Amino acid sequence: MELFPVPDVPEIREGDDLAALVSERVDLRPDDVVCVASTVVSKAEGRFADLDDFPAGPRARELAARLAELTGDEKDPRFAQAVLEESVDLVMSEPFLLTETRFGHVGVNAGIDRSNVPDHDLLLLPKRPSESAERIRAGVDADRVVVTDTCGRPFRHGQRGVAIGWAGLSASRDWRGEADRDGRELGVTVESVVDELAAAANLVQGEGDGGTPVVVVRDFEWGDHGESDAHFRDIDGDFVRQALREWRYDL
């Protein structure tokens, strides 16, 4: 398996055809996986916003005041309002806002980006990233597309690439029922392939002003394994999220 960046991708503007931009710059194969950073997907879909688009309500002002108290830094309640409007569940309200987005992803500040947003204050995540992946897939010669983002990990330092949308492949490779090297049957192993592809792509994409937003994964083989589209945990089986709902940060 190899990974390589799509070269010379320009600054993306609203309405740009990402599939065409990729196809013009690299010869794709049907079994390639095209990994596209959510930032350029959002830009092409016009997911720009300004803080003034989000007049702060009472809950947002309360959250911003509490975060300012905890951190010692001023917090704009309009940003808290933006996070609330992009979320369906506030998992943690302190010492930062951890939320579930409308498409199921759990992340800090609903994944709202405040960097690399020329002429605007905010860049929101794509509304429906898997639908975005399907649209890109329809316009390229590759059969598989993953929309990637970066976020932190519980119990570990640092951020890594994750998949927030995908098309043309299942989310996970299901090893249950297969045998391990000692002949024992695997009972729980479901491998999150789209996250692993996103993390590998992020190594090539990089960060900051030297980053490149599109990476091609070539010669990835699924193998003779089961498939699963389960990706975002349902609240009923997410015991960490259930515990966090009862938790409060103390000064």
C-alpha atoms as a PDB file:
ATOM      1  CA  MET A   1       0.000   0.000   0.000  1.00  0.00           C
ATOM      2  CA  GLU A   2       1.236   3.492  -0.767  1.00  0.00           C
ATOM      3  CA  LEU A   3      -0.013   7.005  -0.127  1.00  0.00           C
ATOM      4  CA  PHE A   4       0.736  10.165  -2.075  1.00  0.00           C
ATOM      5  CA  PRO A   5      -0.606  13.729  -2.045  1.00  0.00           C
ATOM      6  CA  VAL A   6      -2.562  15.293  -4.868  1.00  0.00           C
ATOM      7  CA  PRO A   7      -0.248  18.153  -5.900  1.00  0.00           C
ATOM      8  CA  ASP A   8      -0.976  21.837  -6.374  1.00  0.00           C
ATOM      9  CA  VAL A   9      -4.505  21.947  -4.986  1.00  0.00           C
ATOM     10  CA  PRO A  10      -5.435  25.669  -4.992  1.00  0.00           C
ATOM     11  CA  GLU A  11      -7.207  27.616  -2.261  1.00  0.00           C
ATOM     12  CA  ILE A  12     -10.749  26.261  -2.383  1.00  0.00           C
ATOM     13  CA  ARG A  13     -13.672  28.635  -2.848  1.00  0.00           C
ATOM     14  CA  GLU A  14     -17.392  28.103  -2.483  1.00  0.00           C
ATOM     15  CA  GLY A  15     -18.774  26.217  -5.470  1.00  0.00           C
ATOM     16  CA  ASP A  16     -15.459  24.668  -6.533  1.00  0.00           C
ATOM     17  CA  ASP A  17     -15.715  21.177  -8.020  1.00  0.00           C
ATOM     18  CA  LEU A  18     -13.405  19.115  -5.818  1.00  0.00           C
ATOM     19  CA  ALA A  19     -13.781  15.993  -7.945  1.00  0.00           C
ATOM     20  CA  ALA A  20     -12.686  17.882 -11.062  1.00  0.00           C
ATOM     21  CA  LEU A  21      -9.763  19.527  -9.257  1.00  0.00           C
ATOM     22  CA  VAL A  22      -8.515  16.122  -8.112  1.00  0.00           C
ATOM     23  CA  SER A  23      -9.050  14.431 -11.469  1.00  0.00           C
ATOM     24  CA  GLU A  24      -7.084  17.172 -13.262  1.00  0.00           C
ATOM     25  CA  ARG A  25      -4.048  16.592 -11.056  1.00  0.00           C
ATOM     26  CA  VAL A  26      -3.699  12.823 -10.694  1.00  0.00           C
ATOM     27  CA  ASP A  27      -4.541   9.695 -12.663  1.00  0.00           C
ATOM     28  CA  LEU A  28      -6.753   7.672 -10.386  1.00  0.00           C
ATOM     29  CA  ARG A  29      -7.434   3.948 -10.436  1.00  0.00           C
ATOM     30  CA  PRO A  30     -10.820   2.402  -9.608  1.00  0.00           C
ATOM     31  CA  ASP A  31      -9.518   0.758  -6.421  1.00  0.00           C
ATOM     32  CA  ASP A  32      -7.853   3.935  -5.067  1.00  0.00           C
ATOM     33  CA  VAL A  33      -9.133   5.570  -1.898  1.00  0.00           C
ATOM     34  CA  VAL A  34      -9.286   9.377  -2.134  1.00  0.00           C
ATOM     35  CA  CYS A  35      -8.980  11.001   1.308  1.00  0.00           C
ATOM     36  CA  VAL A  36     -10.170  14.609   1.375  1.00  0.00           C
ATOM     37  CA  ALA A  37      -9.773  16.973   4.326  1.00  0.00           C
ATOM     38  CA  SER A  38     -13.069  18.246   5.671  1.00  0.00           C
ATOM     39  CA  THR A  39     -11.790  21.828   5.509  1.00  0.00           C
ATOM     40  CA  VAL A  40     -11.780  21.898   1.716  1.00  0.00           C
ATOM     41  CA  VAL A  41     -15.104  20.059   1.556  1.00  0.00           C
ATOM     42  CA  SER A  42     -16.613  22.704   3.847  1.00  0.00           C
ATOM     43  CA  LYS A  43     -15.125  25.523   1.803  1.00  0.00           C
ATOM     44  CA  ALA A  44     -16.466  24.112  -1.453  1.00  0.00           C
ATOM     45  CA  GLU A  45     -19.895  23.732   0.174  1.00  0.00           C
ATOM     46  CA  GLY A  46     -19.895  27.298   1.512  1.00  0.00           C
ATOM     47  CA  ARG A  47     -19.834  26.377   5.183  1.00  0.00           C
ATOM     48  CA  PHE A  48     -18.304  29.723   6.149  1.00  0.00           C
ATOM     49  CA  ALA A  49     -19.816  31.738   8.955  1.00  0.00           C
ATOM     50  CA  ASP A  50     -19.206  34.842  11.033  1.00  0.00           C
ATOM     51  CA  LEU A  51     -19.669  35.248  14.760  1.00  0.00           C
ATOM     52  CA  ASP A  52     -22.379  37.822  14.161  1.00  0.00           C
ATOM     53  CA  ASP A  53     -24.426  35.061  12.506  1.00  0.00           C
ATOM     54  CA  PHE A  54     -24.886  33.555  15.983  1.00  0.00           C
ATOM     55  CA  PRO A  55     -26.475  36.013  18.448  1.00  0.00           C
ATOM     56  CA  ALA A  56     -25.799  34.512  21.859  1.00  0.00           C
ATOM     57  CA  GLY A  57     -28.716  33.157  23.841  1.00  0.00           C
ATOM     58  CA  PRO A  58     -28.812  32.693  27.619  1.00  0.00           C
ATOM     59  CA  ARG A  59     -27.275  29.188  27.527  1.00  0.00           C
ATOM     60  CA  ALA A  60     -24.384  30.332  25.326  1.00  0.00           C
ATOM     61  CA  ARG A  61     -23.664  33.294  27.598  1.00  0.00           C
ATOM     62  CA  GLU A  62     -23.726  30.987  30.611  1.00  0.00           C
ATOM     63  CA  LEU A  63     -21.302  28.541  28.975  1.00  0.00           C
ATOM     64  CA  ALA A  64     -18.918  31.286  27.864  1.00  0.00           C
ATOM     65  CA  ALA A  65     -18.887  32.863  31.325  1.00  0.00           C
ATOM     66  CA  ARG A  66     -18.130  29.531  32.995  1.00  0.00           C
ATOM     67  CA  LEU A  67     -15.322  28.729  30.534  1.00  0.00           C
ATOM     68  CA  ALA A  68     -13.838  32.195  31.072  1.00  0.00           C
ATOM     69  CA  GLU A  69     -13.932  31.602  34.815  1.00  0.00           C
ATOM     70  CA  LEU A  70     -12.142  28.273  34.449  1.00  0.00           C
ATOM     71  CA  THR A  71      -9.505  29.312  31.930  1.00  0.00           C
ATOM     72  CA  GLY A  72      -8.932  32.960  32.777  1.00  0.00           C
ATOM     73  CA  ASP A  73      -9.411  33.862  29.103  1.00  0.00           C
ATOM     74  CA  GLU A  74     -12.304  35.809  27.640  1.00  0.00           C
ATOM     75  CA  LYS A  75     -14.725  33.573  25.733  1.00  0.00           C
ATOM     76  CA  ASP A  76     -17.016  34.901  23.031  1.00  0.00           C
ATOM     77  CA  PRO A  77     -20.587  33.754  23.741  1.00  0.00           C
ATOM     78  CA  ARG A  78     -21.345  33.950  20.033  1.00  0.00           C
ATOM     79  CA  PHE A  79     -18.863  31.126  19.461  1.00  0.00           C
ATOM     80  CA  ALA A  80     -20.582  29.081  22.156  1.00  0.00           C
ATOM     81  CA  GLN A  81     -23.869  29.741  20.357  1.00  0.00           C
ATOM     82  CA  ALA A  82     -22.377  28.493  17.079  1.00  0.00           C
ATOM     83  CA  VAL A  83     -21.263  25.301  18.814  1.00  0.00           C
ATOM     84  CA  LEU A  84     -24.731  24.757  20.277  1.00  0.00           C
ATOM     85  CA  GLU A  85     -26.429  25.275  16.913  1.00  0.00           C
ATOM     86  CA  GLU A  86     -24.110  22.783  15.212  1.00  0.00           C
ATOM     87  CA  SER A  87     -24.736  20.121  17.866  1.00  0.00           C
ATOM     88  CA  VAL A  88     -27.447  17.739  18.993  1.00  0.00           C
ATOM     89  CA  ASP A  89     -25.865  16.881  22.362  1.00  0.00           C
ATOM     90  CA  LEU A  90     -23.600  18.778  24.740  1.00  0.00           C
ATOM     91  CA  VAL A  91     -21.504  15.946  26.159  1.00  0.00           C
ATOM     92  CA  MET A  92     -19.238  18.178  28.298  1.00  0.00           C
ATOM     93  CA  SER A  93     -19.612  21.871  29.054  1.00  0.00           C
ATOM     94  CA  GLU A  94     -16.323  22.357  30.923  1.00  0.00           C
ATOM     95  CA  PRO A  95     -13.374  22.840  30.792  1.00  0.00           C
ATOM     96  CA  PHE A  96     -14.212  22.849  27.061  1.00  0.00           C
ATOM     97  CA  LEU A  97     -17.260  22.156  24.923  1.00  0.00           C
ATOM     98  CA  LEU A  98     -17.450  18.545  23.764  1.00  0.00           C
ATOM     99  CA  THR A  99     -20.464  17.925  21.556  1.00  0.00           C
ATOM    100  CA  GLU A 100     -22.128  15.496  19.203  1.00  0.00           C
ATOM    101  CA  THR A 101     -22.625  16.938  15.739  1.00  0.00           C
ATOM    102  CA  ARG A 102     -25.784  16.472  13.738  1.00  0.00           C
ATOM    103  CA  PHE A 103     -24.208  13.577  11.819  1.00  0.00           C
ATOM    104  CA  GLY A 104     -22.959  11.722  14.923  1.00  0.00           C
ATOM    105  CA  HIS A 105     -19.330  12.775  15.330  1.00  0.00           C
ATOM    106  CA  VAL A 106     -18.254  13.700  18.870  1.00  0.00           C
ATOM    107  CA  GLY A 107     -15.588  16.391  19.073  1.00  0.00           C
ATOM    108  CA  VAL A 108     -14.501  19.626  20.683  1.00  0.00           C
ATOM    109  CA  ASN A 109     -16.500  22.716  19.674  1.00  0.00           C
ATOM    110  CA  ALA A 110     -18.547  20.708  17.148  1.00  0.00           C
ATOM    111  CA  GLY A 111     -15.460  20.630  14.942  1.00  0.00           C
ATOM    112  CA  ILE A 112     -15.734  24.341  14.151  1.00  0.00           C
ATOM    113  CA  ASP A 113     -12.473  25.687  12.725  1.00  0.00           C
ATOM    114  CA  ARG A 114     -11.183  29.206  13.334  1.00  0.00           C
ATOM    115  CA  SER A 115      -8.023  28.933  11.220  1.00  0.00           C
ATOM    116  CA  ASN A 116      -7.487  29.088   7.458  1.00  0.00           C
ATOM    117  CA  VAL A 117     -10.799  30.897   6.945  1.00  0.00           C
ATOM    118  CA  PRO A 118     -10.101  33.914   4.742  1.00  0.00           C
ATOM    119  CA  ASP A 119     -12.711  36.685   4.981  1.00  0.00           C
ATOM    120  CA  HIS A 120     -14.758  34.880   7.653  1.00  0.00           C
ATOM    121  CA  ASP A 121     -14.568  34.029  11.353  1.00  0.00           C
ATOM    122  CA  LEU A 122     -15.552  30.367  11.293  1.00  0.00           C
ATOM    123  CA  LEU A 123     -15.575  27.270   9.135  1.00  0.00           C
ATOM    124  CA  LEU A 124     -18.239  24.698  10.033  1.00  0.00           C
ATOM    125  CA  LEU A 125     -17.958  20.993   9.299  1.00  0.00           C
ATOM    126  CA  PRO A 126     -19.846  19.666   6.251  1.00  0.00           C
ATOM    127  CA  LYS A 127     -23.510  19.152   7.032  1.00  0.00           C
ATOM    128  CA  ARG A 128     -23.570  15.526   5.838  1.00  0.00           C
ATOM    129  CA  PRO A 129     -19.997  14.359   5.185  1.00  0.00           C
ATOM    130  CA  SER A 130     -20.920  10.942   3.786  1.00  0.00           C
ATOM    131  CA  GLU A 131     -23.153  12.626   1.211  1.00  0.00           C
ATOM    132  CA  SER A 132     -20.227  14.937   0.425  1.00  0.00           C
ATOM    133  CA  ALA A 133     -18.006  11.870  -0.052  1.00  0.00           C
ATOM    134  CA  GLU A 134     -20.583  10.332  -2.394  1.00  0.00           C
ATOM    135  CA  ARG A 135     -20.696  13.487  -4.530  1.00  0.00           C
ATOM    136  CA  ILE A 136     -16.911  13.511  -4.874  1.00  0.00           C
ATOM    137  CA  ARG A 137     -16.897   9.786  -5.642  1.00  0.00           C
ATOM    138  CA  ALA A 138     -19.387  10.339  -8.469  1.00  0.00           C
ATOM    139  CA  GLY A 139     -16.944  12.712 -10.166  1.00  0.00           C
ATOM    140  CA  VAL A 140     -13.653  10.815  -9.906  1.00  0.00           C
ATOM    141  CA  ASP A 141     -12.383   7.539 -11.317  1.00  0.00           C
ATOM    142  CA  ALA A 142     -11.747   6.088  -7.848  1.00  0.00           C
ATOM    143  CA  ASP A 143     -14.464   3.992  -6.257  1.00  0.00           C
ATOM    144  CA  ARG A 144     -13.770   4.961  -2.639  1.00  0.00           C
ATOM    145  CA  VAL A 145     -13.692   8.352  -0.883  1.00  0.00           C
ATOM    146  CA  VAL A 146     -13.111   9.276   2.775  1.00  0.00           C
ATOM    147  CA  VAL A 147     -13.698  12.741   4.262  1.00  0.00           C
ATOM    148  CA  THR A 148     -11.184  13.284   7.056  1.00  0.00           C
ATOM    149  CA  ASP A 149     -10.850  15.552  10.057  1.00  0.00           C
ATOM    150  CA  THR A 150      -8.488  15.750  13.030  1.00  0.00           C
ATOM    151  CA  CYS A 151      -9.467  15.523  16.672  1.00  0.00           C
ATOM    152  CA  GLY A 152      -8.057  14.600  20.041  1.00  0.00           C
ATOM    153  CA  ARG A 153      -8.210  11.177  21.674  1.00  0.00           C
ATOM    154  CA  PRO A 154      -9.300  10.258  25.184  1.00  0.00           C
ATOM    155  CA  PHE A 155      -6.443   9.122  27.421  1.00  0.00           C
ATOM    156  CA  ARG A 156      -3.733  10.181  24.931  1.00  0.00           C
ATOM    157  CA  HIS A 157      -1.977  13.396  23.981  1.00  0.00           C
ATOM    158  CA  GLY A 158      -2.194  14.858  20.506  1.00  0.00           C
ATOM    159  CA  GLN A 159      -4.584  14.799  17.586  1.00  0.00           C
ATOM    160  CA  ARG A 160      -4.942  12.287  14.758  1.00  0.00           C
ATOM    161  CA  GLY A 161      -6.888  11.910  11.561  1.00  0.00           C
ATOM    162  CA  VAL A 162     -10.372  10.416  11.702  1.00  0.00           C
ATOM    163  CA  ALA A 163     -13.077   9.733   9.153  1.00  0.00           C
ATOM    164  CA  ILE A 164     -16.272  11.753   9.408  1.00  0.00           C
ATOM    165  CA  GLY A 165     -17.715  10.655   6.058  1.00  0.00           C
ATOM    166  CA  TRP A 166     -17.114   7.888   3.543  1.00  0.00           C
ATOM    167  CA  ALA A 167     -18.495   6.401   0.329  1.00  0.00           C
ATOM    168  CA  GLY A 168     -17.783   3.271  -1.681  1.00  0.00           C
ATOM    169  CA  LEU A 169     -16.549   1.206   1.261  1.00  0.00           C
ATOM    170  CA  SER A 170     -17.801   0.091   4.631  1.00  0.00           C
ATOM    171  CA  ALA A 171     -16.646   1.827   7.781  1.00  0.00           C
ATOM    172  CA  SER A 172     -15.221  -1.250   9.487  1.00  0.00           C
ATOM    173  CA  ARG A 173     -13.687  -4.619   8.766  1.00  0.00           C
ATOM    174  CA  ASP A 174     -15.379  -7.248  10.905  1.00  0.00           C
ATOM    175  CA  TRP A 175     -13.071 -10.018  12.100  1.00  0.00           C
ATOM    176  CA  ARG A 176     -15.585 -11.655  14.428  1.00  0.00           C
ATOM    177  CA  GLY A 177     -15.938 -15.353  13.813  1.00  0.00           C
ATOM    178  CA  GLU A 178     -12.471 -15.660  12.268  1.00  0.00           C
ATOM    179  CA  ALA A 179      -9.638 -17.469  14.029  1.00  0.00           C
ATOM    180  CA  ASP A 180      -6.536 -15.947  15.603  1.00  0.00           C
ATOM    181  CA  ARG A 181      -3.061 -17.480  15.120  1.00  0.00           C
ATOM    182  CA  ASP A 182      -3.772 -20.025  17.856  1.00  0.00           C
ATOM    183  CA  GLY A 183      -7.088 -21.068  16.369  1.00  0.00           C
ATOM    184  CA  ARG A 184      -9.252 -19.204  18.885  1.00  0.00           C
ATOM    185  CA  GLU A 185     -12.357 -17.552  17.500  1.00  0.00           C
ATOM    186  CA  LEU A 186     -12.319 -13.739  17.516  1.00  0.00           C
ATOM    187  CA  GLY A 187     -15.351 -12.418  19.326  1.00  0.00           C
ATOM    188  CA  VAL A 188     -15.065  -8.625  19.481  1.00  0.00           C
ATOM    189  CA  THR A 189     -12.584  -7.356  16.868  1.00  0.00           C
ATOM    190  CA  VAL A 190     -14.151  -4.823  14.511  1.00  0.00           C
ATOM    191  CA  GLU A 191     -11.439  -2.740  12.823  1.00  0.00           C
ATOM    192  CA  SER A 192     -12.307   0.873  12.013  1.00  0.00           C
ATOM    193  CA  VAL A 193     -10.808   0.929   8.534  1.00  0.00           C
ATOM    194  CA  VAL A 194     -12.018   4.404   7.552  1.00  0.00           C
ATOM    195  CA  ASP A 195     -10.379   5.886  10.655  1.00  0.00           C
ATOM    196  CA  GLU A 196      -7.145   4.039   9.916  1.00  0.00           C
ATOM    197  CA  LEU A 197      -7.135   5.298   6.338  1.00  0.00           C
ATOM    198  CA  ALA A 198      -7.840   8.829   7.575  1.00  0.00           C
ATOM    199  CA  ALA A 199      -4.992   8.629  10.109  1.00  0.00           C
ATOM    200  CA  ALA A 200      -2.573   7.340   7.472  1.00  0.00           C
ATOM    201  CA  ALA A 201      -3.639  10.097   5.083  1.00  0.00           C
ATOM    202  CA  ASN A 202      -3.150  12.715   7.790  1.00  0.00           C
ATOM    203  CA  LEU A 203       0.540  11.781   7.996  1.00  0.00           C
ATOM    204  CA  VAL A 204       0.864  12.815   4.367  1.00  0.00           C
ATOM    205  CA  GLN A 205      -1.545  15.761   4.500  1.00  0.00           C
ATOM    206  CA  GLY A 206       0.378  17.453   7.290  1.00  0.00           C
ATOM    207  CA  GLU A 207      -0.777  20.507   9.207  1.00  0.00           C
ATOM    208  CA  GLY A 208      -0.440  24.291   8.969  1.00  0.00           C
ATOM    209  CA  ASP A 209       0.488  26.270   5.879  1.00  0.00           C
ATOM    210  CA  GLY A 210       2.483  23.382   4.397  1.00  0.00           C
ATOM    211  CA  GLY A 211      -0.422  20.963   4.422  1.00  0.00           C
ATOM    212  CA  THR A 212      -2.060  19.377   1.415  1.00  0.00           C
ATOM    213  CA  PRO A 213      -5.771  18.570   1.600  1.00  0.00           C
ATOM    214  CA  VAL A 214      -6.124  15.505  -0.642  1.00  0.00           C
ATOM    215  CA  VAL A 215      -4.239  12.203  -0.406  1.00  0.00           C
ATOM    216  CA  VAL A 216      -4.615   9.054  -2.495  1.00  0.00           C
ATOM    217  CA  VAL A 217      -4.278   5.629  -0.879  1.00  0.00           C
ATOM    218  CA  ARG A 218      -3.271   3.062  -3.505  1.00  0.00           C
ATOM    219  CA  ASP A 219      -3.325  -0.756  -3.314  1.00  0.00           C
ATOM    220  CA  PHE A 220      -5.349  -0.963  -0.115  1.00  0.00           C
ATOM    221  CA  GLU A 221      -7.071  -4.344  -0.084  1.00  0.00           C
ATOM    222  CA  TRP A 222     -10.071  -5.139   2.095  1.00  0.00           C
ATOM    223  CA  GLY A 223      -9.461  -8.866   2.051  1.00  0.00           C
ATOM    224  CA  ASP A 224     -11.954 -11.651   2.624  1.00  0.00           C
ATOM    225  CA  HIS A 225     -13.522 -10.213   5.764  1.00  0.00           C
ATOM    226  CA  GLY A 226     -16.914  -9.123   6.982  1.00  0.00           C
ATOM    227  CA  GLU A 227     -18.104  -5.527   6.737  1.00  0.00           C
ATOM    228  CA  SER A 228     -19.848  -3.148   9.101  1.00  0.00           C
ATOM    229  CA  ASP A 229     -21.074   0.420   8.699  1.00  0.00           C
ATOM    230  CA  ALA A 230     -21.175   1.019  12.449  1.00  0.00           C
ATOM    231  CA  HIS A 231     -18.868   3.943  13.174  1.00  0.00           C
ATOM    232  CA  PHE A 232     -20.219   6.505  15.633  1.00  0.00           C
ATOM    233  CA  ARG A 233     -21.155   4.873  18.925  1.00  0.00           C
ATOM    234  CA  ASP A 234     -24.790   4.905  19.930  1.00  0.00           C
ATOM    235  CA  ILE A 235     -25.331   6.539  23.313  1.00  0.00           C
ATOM    236  CA  ASP A 236     -26.767   3.324  24.762  1.00  0.00           C
ATOM    237  CA  GLY A 237     -23.421   1.576  24.307  1.00  0.00           C
ATOM    238  CA  ASP A 238     -21.165   4.557  24.954  1.00  0.00           C
ATOM    239  CA  PHE A 239     -20.414   4.202  28.658  1.00  0.00           C
ATOM    240  CA  VAL A 240     -17.757   6.942  28.657  1.00  0.00           C
ATOM    241  CA  ARG A 241     -20.241   9.475  27.300  1.00  0.00           C
ATOM    242  CA  GLN A 242     -22.807   8.365  29.854  1.00  0.00           C
ATOM    243  CA  ALA A 243     -20.276   8.924  32.652  1.00  0.00           C
ATOM    244  CA  LEU A 244     -19.276  12.330  31.296  1.00  0.00           C
ATOM    245  CA  ARG A 245     -22.857  13.528  31.531  1.00  0.00           C
ATOM    246  CA  GLU A 246     -22.603  13.178  35.328  1.00  0.00           C
ATOM    247  CA  TRP A 247     -19.149  14.776  35.613  1.00  0.00           C
ATOM    248  CA  ARG A 248     -18.306  18.360  36.608  1.00  0.00           C
ATOM    249  CA  TYR A 249     -14.958  20.083  36.405  1.00  0.00           C
ATOM    250  CA  ASP A 250     -13.849  21.615  39.718  1.00  0.00           C
ATOM    251  CA  LEU A 251     -11.513  24.583  40.036  1.00  0.00           C
END
